[in-house]
Amino acid sequence: MPQPLSARALALPLANEDWKCLVRFNGQPLPDQKVVLETSNGSRRELASDLQGIVVASIPDDFKAEREGKGAGGSHGMGRSGADFVLATEYENDGKTYLTAFNAGYGKNAFDQRSIAMGLGFTLLGMAGAVPLLRHRKTKKNDAPESAAASQKEEV
């Protein structure tokens, strides 16, 4: 079970995110319990719980490189692909084997391969380009009342 359980924990996990999960048996945490993370894209990792029974699962970014004409440029990011993952563990107690699994989907991180510096740079460049236009507009507004006053004087 994702820990802490919140609205974000119920949302679609994203690639390259760390998720904490609690492994327990009969309400008690299981320390040093082996947990396997497998994805539908072929990734497989073996993890172990800590002394409190918590496993930190790093959701892998195992999506294939996007084909030309598809993906971020071709579909404008609207057709984002997703995949599924399974966290599974097996525990033996009193001659019985208990197997449990947590299944969920995950998606690509929307901010992956995006540059905040480039975004800010283009924003500042746009703002700098607007300054001459705003100054030109301001000088036209200041000239307009003077020319109206001059034309009224000529009429009198």
Protein backbone atom coordinates (compact mmCIF):
# COMPACT_ATOMS: atom_id res chain seq x y z
CA MET A 1 0.00 0.00 0.00
CA PRO A 2 1.46 3.41 -0.93
CA GLN A 3 2.46 5.43 2.13
CA PRO A 4 1.24 7.96 3.09
CA LEU A 5 -2.12 7.29 1.48
CA SER A 6 -3.23 10.58 -0.07
CA ALA A 7 -5.00 11.90 -3.14
CA ARG A 8 -1.61 12.04 -4.91
CA ALA A 9 -0.96 8.41 -3.95
CA LEU A 10 -4.17 7.44 -5.73
CA ALA A 11 -3.18 9.33 -8.87
CA LEU A 12 -1.19 7.83 -11.72
CA PRO A 13 2.45 7.41 -10.65
CA LEU A 14 5.00 8.98 -12.98
CA ALA A 15 8.30 7.68 -14.28
CA ASN A 16 11.34 8.60 -12.17
CA GLU A 17 9.25 9.08 -9.03
CA ASP A 18 9.93 7.37 -5.70
CA TRP A 19 6.96 5.72 -3.98
CA LYS A 20 7.00 4.49 -0.42
CA CYS A 21 5.05 1.30 0.23
CA LEU A 22 4.44 -0.52 3.50
CA VAL A 23 4.92 -4.32 3.70
CA ARG A 24 3.22 -5.98 6.66
CA PHE A 25 1.79 -9.29 7.85
CA ASN A 26 -1.03 -9.47 10.40
CA GLY A 27 -0.72 -5.72 10.94
CA GLN A 28 2.99 -5.88 11.77
CA PRO A 29 5.69 -4.44 9.47
CA LEU A 30 7.97 -6.98 7.80
CA PRO A 31 11.61 -5.85 7.95
CA ASP A 32 14.06 -6.99 5.27
CA GLN A 33 11.26 -8.43 3.11
CA LYS A 34 12.09 -8.98 -0.56
CA VAL A 35 9.76 -7.11 -2.93
CA VAL A 36 9.85 -7.39 -6.73
CA LEU A 37 8.91 -4.50 -9.01
CA GLU A 38 8.03 -5.51 -12.59
CA THR A 39 6.71 -3.32 -15.39
CA SER A 40 4.83 -4.18 -18.57
CA ASN A 41 7.72 -2.54 -20.47
CA GLY A 42 10.12 -5.23 -19.24
CA SER A 43 11.90 -3.65 -16.27
CA ARG A 44 12.45 -5.78 -13.17
CA ARG A 45 14.00 -4.77 -9.83
CA GLU A 46 14.35 -6.54 -6.52
CA LEU A 47 13.92 -4.34 -3.46
CA ALA A 48 13.96 -4.93 0.30
CA SER A 49 11.94 -3.32 3.08
CA ASP A 50 13.64 -1.41 5.89
CA LEU A 51 13.20 -2.03 9.63
CA GLN A 52 9.78 -0.32 9.59
CA GLY A 53 8.63 -2.46 6.63
CA ILE A 54 8.83 0.43 4.16
CA VAL A 55 10.03 -0.11 0.60
CA VAL A 56 11.01 2.82 -1.61
CA ALA A 57 10.09 1.85 -5.15
CA SER A 58 11.59 4.01 -7.90
CA ILE A 59 9.22 3.90 -10.85
CA PRO A 60 11.49 3.35 -13.87
CA ASP A 61 11.52 5.46 -17.00
CA ASP A 62 11.48 2.47 -19.31
CA PHE A 63 9.42 3.91 -22.14
CA LYS A 64 10.82 3.30 -25.59
CA ALA A 65 12.17 6.27 -27.53
CA GLU A 66 9.32 7.96 -29.34
CA ARG A 67 9.06 7.27 -33.03
CA GLU A 68 9.41 10.06 -35.56
CA GLY A 69 6.11 11.88 -36.08
CA LYS A 70 4.63 10.57 -32.82
CA GLY A 71 4.96 11.64 -29.22
CA ALA A 72 5.61 15.13 -27.95
CA GLY A 73 5.99 16.78 -31.38
CA GLY A 74 3.45 14.84 -33.45
CA SER A 75 0.60 14.53 -30.99
CA HIS A 76 1.41 17.68 -29.01
CA GLY A 77 1.73 15.58 -25.85
CA MET A 78 -1.95 14.63 -25.86
CA GLY A 79 -1.46 10.92 -26.58
CA ARG A 80 0.82 10.24 -23.64
CA SER A 81 1.53 6.58 -23.26
CA GLY A 82 1.32 4.65 -20.06
CA ALA A 83 2.32 1.24 -18.74
CA ASP A 84 1.54 -1.01 -15.80
CA PHE A 85 3.66 -2.16 -12.87
CA VAL A 86 3.37 -4.78 -10.15
CA LEU A 87 4.93 -4.76 -6.69
CA ALA A 88 4.86 -8.33 -5.36
CA THR A 89 6.16 -10.07 -2.26
CA GLU A 90 6.07 -13.60 -0.89
CA TYR A 91 6.12 -14.47 2.82
CA GLU A 92 6.21 -17.86 4.52
CA ASN A 93 4.76 -18.38 8.01
CA ASP A 94 3.85 -21.67 9.78
CA GLY A 95 4.32 -23.70 6.60
CA LYS A 96 2.00 -21.44 4.54
CA THR A 97 3.18 -19.19 1.76
CA TYR A 98 1.45 -15.84 1.38
CA LEU A 99 1.73 -13.95 -1.89
CA THR A 100 0.50 -10.38 -2.27
CA ALA A 101 0.75 -7.82 -5.05
CA PHE A 102 -0.03 -4.19 -5.72
CA ASN A 103 -0.90 -3.37 -9.36
CA ALA A 104 -1.11 0.11 -10.84
CA GLY A 105 -0.42 2.06 -13.98
CA TYR A 106 2.25 4.72 -14.46
CA GLY A 107 2.95 7.32 -17.09
CA LYS A 108 5.68 9.47 -18.51
CA ASN A 109 6.64 12.52 -16.53
CA ALA A 110 5.34 15.60 -18.37
CA PHE A 111 8.34 17.64 -17.24
CA ASP A 112 10.89 15.08 -18.36
CA GLN A 113 13.24 16.51 -20.99
CA ARG A 114 11.89 20.01 -20.43
CA SER A 115 14.11 22.96 -19.55
CA ILE A 116 12.85 25.53 -17.08
CA ALA A 117 15.78 27.79 -17.97
CA MET A 118 14.79 27.77 -21.66
CA GLY A 119 11.17 28.51 -20.77
CA LEU A 120 12.16 31.43 -18.60
CA GLY A 121 14.56 32.65 -21.29
CA PHE A 122 11.82 32.74 -23.93
CA THR A 123 9.48 34.49 -21.49
CA LEU A 124 12.04 37.21 -20.74
CA LEU A 125 12.85 37.57 -24.44
CA GLY A 126 9.16 38.07 -25.20
CA MET A 127 8.83 40.64 -22.47
CA ALA A 128 11.92 42.52 -23.70
CA GLY A 129 10.48 42.49 -27.23
CA ALA A 130 7.23 44.02 -25.97
CA VAL A 131 8.91 47.03 -24.29
CA PRO A 132 9.43 49.05 -27.53
CA LEU A 133 5.83 48.38 -28.56
CA LEU A 134 4.51 49.59 -25.21
CA ARG A 135 6.70 52.73 -25.32
CA HIS A 136 5.54 53.53 -28.85
CA ARG A 137 1.90 53.15 -27.74
CA LYS A 138 2.49 55.42 -24.70
CA THR A 139 4.04 58.23 -26.80
CA LYS A 140 1.08 58.12 -29.23
CA LYS A 141 -1.36 58.52 -26.32
CA ASN A 142 0.61 61.52 -24.96
CA ASP A 143 0.67 63.20 -28.41
CA ALA A 144 -3.08 62.80 -28.94
CA PRO A 145 -4.33 65.32 -26.26
CA GLU A 146 -1.87 68.02 -27.43
CA SER A 147 -3.03 67.79 -31.05
CA ALA A 148 -6.70 67.91 -29.94
CA ALA A 149 -6.04 71.06 -27.89
CA ALA A 150 -4.21 72.69 -30.83
CA SER A 151 -7.10 72.02 -33.21
CA GLN A 152 -9.56 73.57 -30.73
CA LYS A 153 -7.45 76.77 -30.54
CA GLU A 154 -7.47 77.10 -34.33
CA GLU A 155 -11.26 76.88 -34.44
CA VAL A 156 -11.75 79.77 -31.96
